[in-house]
Every structure is written in structure tokens, then in C-alpha cells.
PDB file of N, CA and C in Angstrom:
ATOM      1  N   MET A   1      19.774  10.554 -29.063  1.00  0.00           N
ATOM      2  CA  MET A   1      18.983   9.495 -28.467  1.00  0.00           C
ATOM      3  C   MET A   1      18.693   9.867 -27.017  1.00  0.00           C
ATOM      4  N   LEU A   2      17.491   9.590 -26.596  1.00  0.00           N
ATOM      5  CA  LEU A   2      17.050   9.855 -25.232  1.00  0.00           C
ATOM      6  C   LEU A   2      16.934   8.532 -24.491  1.00  0.00           C
ATOM      7  N   GLU A   3      17.504   8.454 -23.285  1.00  0.00           N
ATOM      8  CA  GLU A   3      17.368   7.260 -22.448  1.00  0.00           C
ATOM      9  C   GLU A   3      16.733   7.645 -21.124  1.00  0.00           C
ATOM     10  N   LEU A   4      15.742   6.852 -20.713  1.00  0.00           N
ATOM     11  CA  LEU A   4      15.039   7.066 -19.451  1.00  0.00           C
ATOM     12  C   LEU A   4      14.857   5.729 -18.750  1.00  0.00           C
ATOM     13  N   LYS A   5      14.806   5.742 -17.434  1.00  0.00           N
ATOM     14  CA  LYS A   5      14.453   4.553 -16.665  1.00  0.00           C
ATOM     15  C   LYS A   5      12.947   4.587 -16.446  1.00  0.00           C
ATOM     16  N   ILE A   6      12.277   3.512 -16.852  1.00  0.00           N
ATOM     17  CA  ILE A   6      10.824   3.429 -16.836  1.00  0.00           C
ATOM     18  C   ILE A   6      10.374   2.299 -15.917  1.00  0.00           C
ATOM     19  N   ILE A   7       9.288   2.541 -15.195  1.00  0.00           N
ATOM     20  CA  ILE A   7       8.672   1.507 -14.365  1.00  0.00           C
ATOM     21  C   ILE A   7       7.234   1.319 -14.832  1.00  0.00           C
ATOM     22  N   LEU A   8       6.906   0.087 -15.210  1.00  0.00           N
ATOM     23  CA  LEU A   8       5.542  -0.279 -15.589  1.00  0.00           C
ATOM     24  C   LEU A   8       5.117  -1.399 -14.655  1.00  0.00           C
ATOM     25  N   LYS A   9       4.213  -1.081 -13.741  1.00  0.00           N
ATOM     26  CA  LYS A   9       3.869  -2.015 -12.664  1.00  0.00           C
ATOM     27  C   LYS A   9       2.712  -2.950 -12.975  1.00  0.00           C
ATOM     28  N   ASN A  10       1.792  -2.523 -13.841  1.00  0.00           N
ATOM     29  CA  ASN A  10       0.592  -3.328 -14.049  1.00  0.00           C
ATOM     30  C   ASN A  10       0.016  -3.097 -15.449  1.00  0.00           C
ATOM     31  N   TYR A  11      -1.078  -3.776 -15.714  1.00  0.00           N
ATOM     32  CA  TYR A  11      -1.744  -3.691 -17.012  1.00  0.00           C
ATOM     33  C   TYR A  11      -2.106  -2.250 -17.371  1.00  0.00           C
ATOM     34  N   ASP A  12      -2.650  -1.503 -16.426  1.00  0.00           N
ATOM     35  CA  ASP A  12      -3.046  -0.117 -16.690  1.00  0.00           C
ATOM     36  C   ASP A  12      -1.853   0.743 -17.073  1.00  0.00           C
ATOM     37  N   ASP A  13      -0.715   0.536 -16.410  1.00  0.00           N
ATOM     38  CA  ASP A  13       0.506   1.275 -16.753  1.00  0.00           C
ATOM     39  C   ASP A  13       0.937   0.972 -18.186  1.00  0.00           C
ATOM     40  N   ILE A  14       0.902  -0.304 -18.554  1.00  0.00           N
ATOM     41  CA  ILE A  14       1.321  -0.696 -19.905  1.00  0.00           C
ATOM     42  C   ILE A  14       0.404  -0.081 -20.950  1.00  0.00           C
ATOM     43  N   GLU A  15      -0.879  -0.108 -20.707  1.00  0.00           N
ATOM     44  CA  GLU A  15      -1.832   0.477 -21.657  1.00  0.00           C
ATOM     45  C   GLU A  15      -1.636   1.992 -21.771  1.00  0.00           C
ATOM     46  N   ALA A  16      -1.458   2.680 -20.653  1.00  0.00           N
ATOM     47  CA  ALA A  16      -1.250   4.132 -20.676  1.00  0.00           C
ATOM     48  C   ALA A  16       0.081   4.485 -21.338  1.00  0.00           C
ATOM     49  N   PHE A  17       1.120   3.691 -21.075  1.00  0.00           N
ATOM     50  CA  PHE A  17       2.422   3.900 -21.698  1.00  0.00           C
ATOM     51  C   PHE A  17       2.298   3.748 -23.216  1.00  0.00           C
ATOM     52  N   SER A  18       1.632   2.699 -23.658  1.00  0.00           N
ATOM     53  CA  SER A  18       1.446   2.460 -25.090  1.00  0.00           C
ATOM     54  C   SER A  18       0.697   3.613 -25.754  1.00  0.00           C
ATOM     55  N   GLU A  19      -0.302   4.119 -25.076  1.00  0.00           N
ATOM     56  CA  GLU A  19      -1.070   5.261 -25.596  1.00  0.00           C
ATOM     57  C   GLU A  19      -0.182   6.506 -25.707  1.00  0.00           C
ATOM     58  N   ALA A  20       0.714   6.696 -24.753  1.00  0.00           N
ATOM     59  CA  ALA A  20       1.578   7.882 -24.725  1.00  0.00           C
ATOM     60  C   ALA A  20       2.599   7.891 -25.860  1.00  0.00           C
ATOM     61  N   ILE A  21       2.986   6.725 -26.358  1.00  0.00           N
ATOM     62  CA  ILE A  21       4.023   6.693 -27.398  1.00  0.00           C
ATOM     63  C   ILE A  21       3.505   6.305 -28.778  1.00  0.00           C
ATOM     64  N   LYS A  22       2.232   6.015 -28.916  1.00  0.00           N
ATOM     65  CA  LYS A  22       1.727   5.490 -30.188  1.00  0.00           C
ATOM     66  C   LYS A  22       1.895   6.448 -31.359  1.00  0.00           C
ATOM     67  N   GLU A  23       1.914   7.732 -31.133  1.00  0.00           N
ATOM     68  CA  GLU A  23       2.045   8.712 -32.213  1.00  0.00           C
ATOM     69  C   GLU A  23       3.496   9.039 -32.563  1.00  0.00           C
ATOM     70  N   CYS A  24       4.447   8.493 -31.843  1.00  0.00           N
ATOM     71  CA  CYS A  24       5.861   8.771 -32.110  1.00  0.00           C
ATOM     72  C   CYS A  24       6.257   8.140 -33.439  1.00  0.00           C
ATOM     73  N   ASP A  25       6.911   8.918 -34.296  1.00  0.00           N
ATOM     74  CA  ASP A  25       7.287   8.411 -35.619  1.00  0.00           C
ATOM     75  C   ASP A  25       8.764   8.007 -35.682  1.00  0.00           C
ATOM     76  N   TYR A  26       9.318   7.654 -34.552  1.00  0.00           N
ATOM     77  CA  TYR A  26      10.711   7.214 -34.459  1.00  0.00           C
ATOM     78  C   TYR A  26      10.749   5.940 -33.624  1.00  0.00           C
ATOM     79  N   ASP A  27      11.888   5.254 -33.676  1.00  0.00           N
ATOM     80  CA  ASP A  27      12.030   3.994 -32.947  1.00  0.00           C
ATOM     81  C   ASP A  27      12.154   4.223 -31.451  1.00  0.00           C
ATOM     82  N   ILE A  28      11.456   3.395 -30.694  1.00  0.00           N
ATOM     83  CA  ILE A  28      11.536   3.408 -29.234  1.00  0.00           C
ATOM     84  C   ILE A  28      11.655   1.957 -28.786  1.00  0.00           C
ATOM     85  N   PHE A  29      12.628   1.695 -27.931  1.00  0.00           N
ATOM     86  CA  PHE A  29      12.862   0.347 -27.429  1.00  0.00           C
ATOM     87  C   PHE A  29      12.824   0.341 -25.913  1.00  0.00           C
ATOM     88  N   LEU A  30      12.408  -0.785 -25.339  1.00  0.00           N
ATOM     89  CA  LEU A  30      12.502  -1.020 -23.905  1.00  0.00           C
ATOM     90  C   LEU A  30      13.496  -2.149 -23.693  1.00  0.00           C
ATOM     91  N   ILE A  31      14.389  -1.959 -22.734  1.00  0.00           N
ATOM     92  CA  ILE A  31      15.410  -2.950 -22.420  1.00  0.00           C
ATOM     93  C   ILE A  31      15.252  -3.369 -20.974  1.00  0.00           C
ATOM     94  N   SER A  32      15.173  -4.678 -20.761  1.00  0.00           N
ATOM     95  CA  SER A  32      15.073  -5.248 -19.416  1.00  0.00           C
ATOM     96  C   SER A  32      16.018  -6.440 -19.373  1.00  0.00           C
ATOM     97  N   GLY A  33      17.070  -6.321 -18.600  1.00  0.00           N
ATOM     98  CA  GLY A  33      18.070  -7.386 -18.560  1.00  0.00           C
ATOM     99  C   GLY A  33      18.698  -7.548 -19.927  1.00  0.00           C
ATOM    100  N   ASN A  34      18.639  -8.756 -20.480  1.00  0.00           N
ATOM    101  CA  ASN A  34      19.195  -9.033 -21.800  1.00  0.00           C
ATOM    102  C   ASN A  34      18.157  -8.945 -22.910  1.00  0.00           C
ATOM    103  N   SER A  35      16.941  -8.540 -22.573  1.00  0.00           N
ATOM    104  CA  SER A  35      15.856  -8.479 -23.557  1.00  0.00           C
ATOM    105  C   SER A  35      15.647  -7.049 -24.029  1.00  0.00           C
ATOM    106  N   ARG A  36      15.437  -6.907 -25.333  1.00  0.00           N
ATOM    107  CA  ARG A  36      15.177  -5.601 -25.939  1.00  0.00           C
ATOM    108  C   ARG A  36      13.996  -5.772 -26.874  1.00  0.00           C
ATOM    109  N   VAL A  37      12.936  -4.969 -26.666  1.00  0.00           N
ATOM    110  CA  VAL A  37      11.747  -5.065 -27.505  1.00  0.00           C
ATOM    111  C   VAL A  37      11.346  -3.691 -28.029  1.00  0.00           C
ATOM    112  N   ASN A  38      10.625  -3.712 -29.129  1.00  0.00           N
ATOM    113  CA  ASN A  38      10.037  -2.490 -29.660  1.00  0.00           C
ATOM    114  C   ASN A  38       8.983  -2.025 -28.655  1.00  0.00           C
ATOM    115  N   ALA A  39       9.111  -0.818 -28.148  1.00  0.00           N
ATOM    116  CA  ALA A  39       8.195  -0.322 -27.122  1.00  0.00           C
ATOM    117  C   ALA A  39       6.784  -0.099 -27.661  1.00  0.00           C
ATOM    118  N   LYS A  40       6.621  -0.083 -28.965  1.00  0.00           N
ATOM    119  CA  LYS A  40       5.292   0.082 -29.542  1.00  0.00           C
ATOM    120  C   LYS A  40       4.556  -1.248 -29.635  1.00  0.00           C
ATOM    121  N   SER A  41       5.229  -2.328 -29.267  1.00  0.00           N
ATOM    122  CA  SER A  41       4.620  -3.654 -29.260  1.00  0.00           C
ATOM    123  C   SER A  41       4.123  -3.976 -27.847  1.00  0.00           C
ATOM    124  N   THR A  42       2.824  -3.892 -27.654  1.00  0.00           N
ATOM    125  CA  THR A  42       2.254  -4.175 -26.336  1.00  0.00           C
ATOM    126  C   THR A  42       2.583  -5.592 -25.906  1.00  0.00           C
ATOM    127  N   LEU A  43       2.489  -6.529 -26.816  1.00  0.00           N
ATOM    128  CA  LEU A  43       2.826  -7.913 -26.502  1.00  0.00           C
ATOM    129  C   LEU A  43       4.295  -8.034 -26.092  1.00  0.00           C
ATOM    130  N   GLY A  44       5.181  -7.329 -26.784  1.00  0.00           N
ATOM    131  CA  GLY A  44       6.596  -7.332 -26.426  1.00  0.00           C
ATOM    132  C   GLY A  44       6.827  -6.811 -25.016  1.00  0.00           C
ATOM    133  N   ILE A  45       6.110  -5.766 -24.644  1.00  0.00           N
ATOM    134  CA  ILE A  45       6.248  -5.193 -23.300  1.00  0.00           C
ATOM    135  C   ILE A  45       5.840  -6.214 -22.249  1.00  0.00           C
ATOM    136  N   TYR A  46       4.771  -6.948 -22.512  1.00  0.00           N
ATOM    137  CA  TYR A  46       4.318  -7.965 -21.556  1.00  0.00           C
ATOM    138  C   TYR A  46       5.355  -9.068 -21.346  1.00  0.00           C
ATOM    139  N   CYS A  47       6.210  -9.292 -22.336  1.00  0.00           N
ATOM    140  CA  CYS A  47       7.222 -10.350 -22.238  1.00  0.00           C
ATOM    141  C   CYS A  47       8.417  -9.961 -21.381  1.00  0.00           C
ATOM    142  N   LEU A  48       8.523  -8.697 -21.022  1.00  0.00           N
ATOM    143  CA  LEU A  48       9.672  -8.230 -20.245  1.00  0.00           C
ATOM    144  C   LEU A  48       9.485  -8.477 -18.750  1.00  0.00           C
ATOM    145  N   ASP A  49      10.593  -8.428 -18.036  1.00  0.00           N
ATOM    146  CA  ASP A  49      10.591  -8.538 -16.569  1.00  0.00           C
ATOM    147  C   ASP A  49      10.201  -7.181 -15.997  1.00  0.00           C
ATOM    148  N   HIS A  50       9.088  -7.120 -15.292  1.00  0.00           N
ATOM    149  CA  HIS A  50       8.590  -5.856 -14.736  1.00  0.00           C
ATOM    150  C   HIS A  50       8.958  -5.663 -13.271  1.00  0.00           C
ATOM    151  N   SER A  51       9.791  -6.543 -12.733  1.00  0.00           N
ATOM    152  CA  SER A  51      10.158  -6.440 -11.320  1.00  0.00           C
ATOM    153  C   SER A  51      11.221  -5.377 -11.076  1.00  0.00           C
ATOM    154  N   ASN A  52      11.885  -4.933 -12.131  1.00  0.00           N
ATOM    155  CA  ASN A  52      12.916  -3.892 -12.035  1.00  0.00           C
ATOM    156  C   ASN A  52      12.641  -2.817 -13.077  1.00  0.00           C
ATOM    157  N   PRO A  53      13.194  -1.623 -12.882  1.00  0.00           N
ATOM    158  CA  PRO A  53      13.037  -0.582 -13.897  1.00  0.00           C
ATOM    159  C   PRO A  53      13.637  -1.035 -15.232  1.00  0.00           C
ATOM    160  N   MET A  54      13.044  -0.562 -16.315  1.00  0.00           N
ATOM    161  CA  MET A  54      13.514  -0.845 -17.665  1.00  0.00           C
ATOM    162  C   MET A  54      14.131   0.410 -18.245  1.00  0.00           C
ATOM    163  N   THR A  55      14.997   0.234 -19.213  1.00  0.00           N
ATOM    164  CA  THR A  55      15.590   1.372 -19.907  1.00  0.00           C
ATOM    165  C   THR A  55      14.827   1.623 -21.189  1.00  0.00           C
ATOM    166  N   LEU A  56      14.361   2.842 -21.366  1.00  0.00           N
ATOM    167  CA  LEU A  56      13.711   3.251 -22.594  1.00  0.00           C
ATOM    168  C   LEU A  56      14.745   3.965 -23.453  1.00  0.00           C
ATOM    169  N   GLN A  57      14.863   3.565 -24.705  1.00  0.00           N
ATOM    170  CA  GLN A  57      15.732   4.245 -25.661  1.00  0.00           C
ATOM    171  C   GLN A  57      14.858   4.795 -26.780  1.00  0.00           C
ATOM    172  N   ALA A  58      14.795   6.108 -26.882  1.00  0.00           N
ATOM    173  CA  ALA A  58      14.036   6.768 -27.942  1.00  0.00           C
ATOM    174  C   ALA A  58      15.040   7.363 -28.923  1.00  0.00           C
ATOM    175  N   HIS A  59      14.950   6.962 -30.159  1.00  0.00           N
ATOM    176  CA  HIS A  59      15.901   7.398 -31.176  1.00  0.00           C
ATOM    177  C   HIS A  59      15.431   8.714 -31.797  1.00  0.00           C
ATOM    178  N   THR A  60      15.483   9.760 -30.979  1.00  0.00           N
ATOM    179  CA  THR A  60      15.109  11.102 -31.417  1.00  0.00           C
ATOM    180  C   THR A  60      15.793  12.137 -30.532  1.00  0.00           C
ATOM    181  N   ASP A  61      15.957  13.300 -31.083  1.00  0.00           N
ATOM    182  CA  ASP A  61      16.420  14.457 -30.314  1.00  0.00           C
ATOM    183  C   ASP A  61      15.434  15.606 -30.478  1.00  0.00           C
ATOM    184  N   SER A  62      14.329  15.343 -31.173  1.00  0.00           N
ATOM    185  CA  SER A  62      13.432  16.429 -31.544  1.00  0.00           C
ATOM    186  C   SER A  62      12.019  16.301 -30.981  1.00  0.00           C
ATOM    187  N   ASP A  63      11.835  15.591 -29.884  1.00  0.00           N
ATOM    188  CA  ASP A  63      10.511  15.474 -29.267  1.00  0.00           C
ATOM    189  C   ASP A  63      10.613  15.877 -27.790  1.00  0.00           C
ATOM    190  N   PRO A  64      10.606  17.173 -27.522  1.00  0.00           N
ATOM    191  CA  PRO A  64      10.776  17.641 -26.134  1.00  0.00           C
ATOM    192  C   PRO A  64       9.625  17.244 -25.215  1.00  0.00           C
ATOM    193  N   GLN A  65       8.464  16.907 -25.761  1.00  0.00           N
ATOM    194  CA  GLN A  65       7.318  16.533 -24.941  1.00  0.00           C
ATOM    195  C   GLN A  65       7.323  15.063 -24.535  1.00  0.00           C
ATOM    196  N   LEU A  66       8.235  14.262 -25.075  1.00  0.00           N
ATOM    197  CA  LEU A  66       8.233  12.835 -24.771  1.00  0.00           C
ATOM    198  C   LEU A  66       8.415  12.585 -23.271  1.00  0.00           C
ATOM    199  N   ALA A  67       9.397  13.189 -22.663  1.00  0.00           N
ATOM    200  CA  ALA A  67       9.625  12.994 -21.227  1.00  0.00           C
ATOM    201  C   ALA A  67       8.415  13.465 -20.421  1.00  0.00           C
ATOM    202  N   GLU A  68       7.767  14.505 -20.877  1.00  0.00           N
ATOM    203  CA  GLU A  68       6.567  15.004 -20.187  1.00  0.00           C
ATOM    204  C   GLU A  68       5.427  13.985 -20.277  1.00  0.00           C
ATOM    205  N   ARG A  69       5.227  13.401 -21.461  1.00  0.00           N
ATOM    206  CA  ARG A  69       4.169  12.395 -21.631  1.00  0.00           C
ATOM    207  C   ARG A  69       4.458  11.128 -20.829  1.00  0.00           C
ATOM    208  N   LEU A  70       5.743  10.825 -20.637  1.00  0.00           N
ATOM    209  CA  LEU A  70       6.131   9.607 -19.928  1.00  0.00           C
ATOM    210  C   LEU A  70       6.400   9.853 -18.446  1.00  0.00           C
ATOM    211  N   ALA A  71       6.183  11.052 -17.960  1.00  0.00           N
ATOM    212  CA  ALA A  71       6.478  11.405 -16.566  1.00  0.00           C
ATOM    213  C   ALA A  71       5.898  10.430 -15.533  1.00  0.00           C
ATOM    214  N   PRO A  72       4.676   9.931 -15.711  1.00  0.00           N
ATOM    215  CA  PRO A  72       4.135   9.000 -14.695  1.00  0.00           C
ATOM    216  C   PRO A  72       4.902   7.677 -14.596  1.00  0.00           C
ATOM    217  N   PHE A  73       5.711   7.367 -15.616  1.00  0.00           N
ATOM    218  CA  PHE A  73       6.395   6.081 -15.656  1.00  0.00           C
ATOM    219  C   PHE A  73       7.902   6.175 -15.383  1.00  0.00           C
ATOM    220  N   ILE A  74       8.424   7.386 -15.281  1.00  0.00           N
ATOM    221  CA  ILE A  74       9.863   7.577 -15.078  1.00  0.00           C
ATOM    222  C   ILE A  74      10.218   7.268 -13.638  1.00  0.00           C
ATOM    223  N   GLU A  75      11.288   6.478 -13.473  1.00  0.00           N
ATOM    224  CA  GLU A  75      11.757   6.111 -12.132  1.00  0.00           C
ATOM    225  C   GLU A  75      12.210   7.358 -11.391  1.00  0.00           C
ATOM    226  N   ARG A  76      11.809   7.459 -10.157  1.00  0.00           N
ATOM    227  CA  ARG A  76      12.190   8.620  -9.341  1.00  0.00           C
ATOM    228  C   ARG A  76      13.126   8.184  -8.245  1.00  0.00           C
TER     229      ARG A  76
END
């Protein structure tokens, strides 16, 4: 499993993030506080608290390009 800290600041970030993960054939979740949503659900992402970084959990070990595709959203 891969875990990353993700920051999605606005509508454009959410749309670009959704586009970056739409082809993934494994489960991906975003966790913010006590809330956990399917990251492929755009509506679910909108329901999260965006004031702090979120934790992304990708249930895969075989997608080396995932971190590269998500680079614009990874907390630095």
C-alpha cells in the first residue's frame, strides 16, 4: 500500500486529481480527519475538509507512475 499526503486547494485541483487517478484499477481512498472516501468519487472529495493535507491510501505496490502523476498534489 502506498500512502501520500495530498493537498487539493480548489476545484481545478480536484478535477485534475480525479483525471490523474481515473484509470487506476485498484482502490484509492482519501482520509481527512475522521472521514474516509473513495478517491475516485469526485462528490466524496468535495465533502472532505480541504483546509489541511489529506492522506491518500492507494492499495497497490505495482504502479510506480502513481506518485509521478500525483506530484502536483503531494505536500512538500
